[in-house]
Protein backbone atom coordinates (compact mmCIF):
# COMPACT_ATOMS: atom_id res chain seq x y z
CA MET A 1 -21.47 -31.39 18.36
CA SER A 2 -23.45 -28.36 17.51
CA ARG A 3 -22.44 -25.75 20.07
CA GLY A 4 -19.20 -27.51 21.06
CA HIS A 5 -17.66 -26.83 17.67
CA GLY A 6 -16.10 -30.29 17.56
CA LEU A 7 -14.18 -29.72 20.78
CA ARG A 8 -11.60 -32.41 21.47
CA ALA A 9 -12.45 -32.62 25.19
CA ALA A 10 -9.84 -35.20 26.23
CA HIS A 11 -7.14 -33.19 24.45
CA VAL A 12 -8.15 -30.09 26.42
CA ALA A 13 -7.71 -32.06 29.66
CA ASP A 14 -4.31 -33.35 28.50
CA LEU A 15 -3.12 -29.86 27.59
CA ARG A 16 -4.31 -28.52 30.93
CA ARG A 17 -2.43 -31.20 32.85
CA ARG A 18 0.73 -30.76 30.74
CA GLY A 19 0.57 -27.05 31.52
CA GLY A 20 0.47 -27.83 35.24
CA LEU A 21 -2.97 -26.31 35.71
CA SER A 22 -5.70 -27.62 37.96
CA GLN A 23 -9.27 -27.54 36.73
CA ALA A 24 -9.97 -24.81 39.26
CA ALA A 25 -7.08 -22.65 38.02
CA LEU A 26 -8.02 -22.97 34.34
CA ALA A 27 -11.70 -22.43 35.07
CA GLN A 28 -10.88 -19.25 36.99
CA ARG A 29 -8.68 -18.01 34.12
CA ILE A 30 -11.50 -18.31 31.62
CA GLY A 31 -14.34 -17.26 33.90
CA ILE A 32 -16.29 -20.47 34.32
CA ASP A 33 -17.02 -22.77 37.24
CA ARG A 34 -14.68 -25.74 37.88
CA VAL A 35 -17.62 -28.16 37.60
CA THR A 36 -18.44 -26.73 34.18
CA LEU A 37 -14.84 -27.26 33.06
CA ALA A 38 -14.96 -30.85 34.35
CA ARG A 39 -18.13 -31.43 32.31
CA ILE A 40 -16.49 -29.90 29.22
CA GLU A 41 -13.36 -32.06 29.60
CA SER A 42 -15.44 -35.20 30.03
CA GLY A 43 -17.57 -34.39 27.00
CA HIS A 44 -20.78 -34.04 29.01
CA THR A 45 -21.47 -30.47 27.93
CA ASP A 46 -20.90 -28.46 24.78
CA PRO A 47 -19.30 -25.09 25.51
CA HIS A 48 -20.11 -21.88 23.68
CA LEU A 49 -17.60 -20.79 21.04
CA SER A 50 -16.44 -17.97 23.34
CA THR A 51 -15.50 -20.57 25.97
CA VAL A 52 -13.67 -22.69 23.39
CA ARG A 53 -11.72 -19.61 22.29
CA ALA A 54 -10.88 -18.76 25.91
CA LEU A 55 -9.69 -22.33 26.48
CA ALA A 56 -7.41 -22.21 23.46
CA GLN A 57 -5.98 -18.85 24.46
CA SER A 58 -5.41 -19.89 28.08
CA LEU A 59 -3.77 -23.15 27.01
CA GLY A 60 -1.55 -21.36 24.48
CA VAL A 61 -2.82 -23.26 21.46
CA SER A 62 -4.76 -22.45 18.33
CA LEU A 63 -8.50 -22.98 18.14
CA ALA A 64 -7.85 -25.59 15.45
CA GLU A 65 -5.71 -27.62 17.85
CA ILE A 66 -8.58 -28.27 20.26
CA THR A 67 -11.41 -28.63 17.75
CA ASP A 68 -12.26 -30.95 14.90
CA ASP A 69 -13.91 -28.22 12.84
């Protein structure tokens, strides 16, 4: 994944659910649309690094935990 920085999409979804967050709530936290987050979690789109960083921060994990890079 070039732009996705090796994002572990399914792991992001698992972390979100474990944190009790809906897609809409997490998307709002990081400033993206819920549909975009759904596409990220399903692996259908590669997010920018800034979005990956925002995801990690909002989920309370390191960048390394949600990427393969």
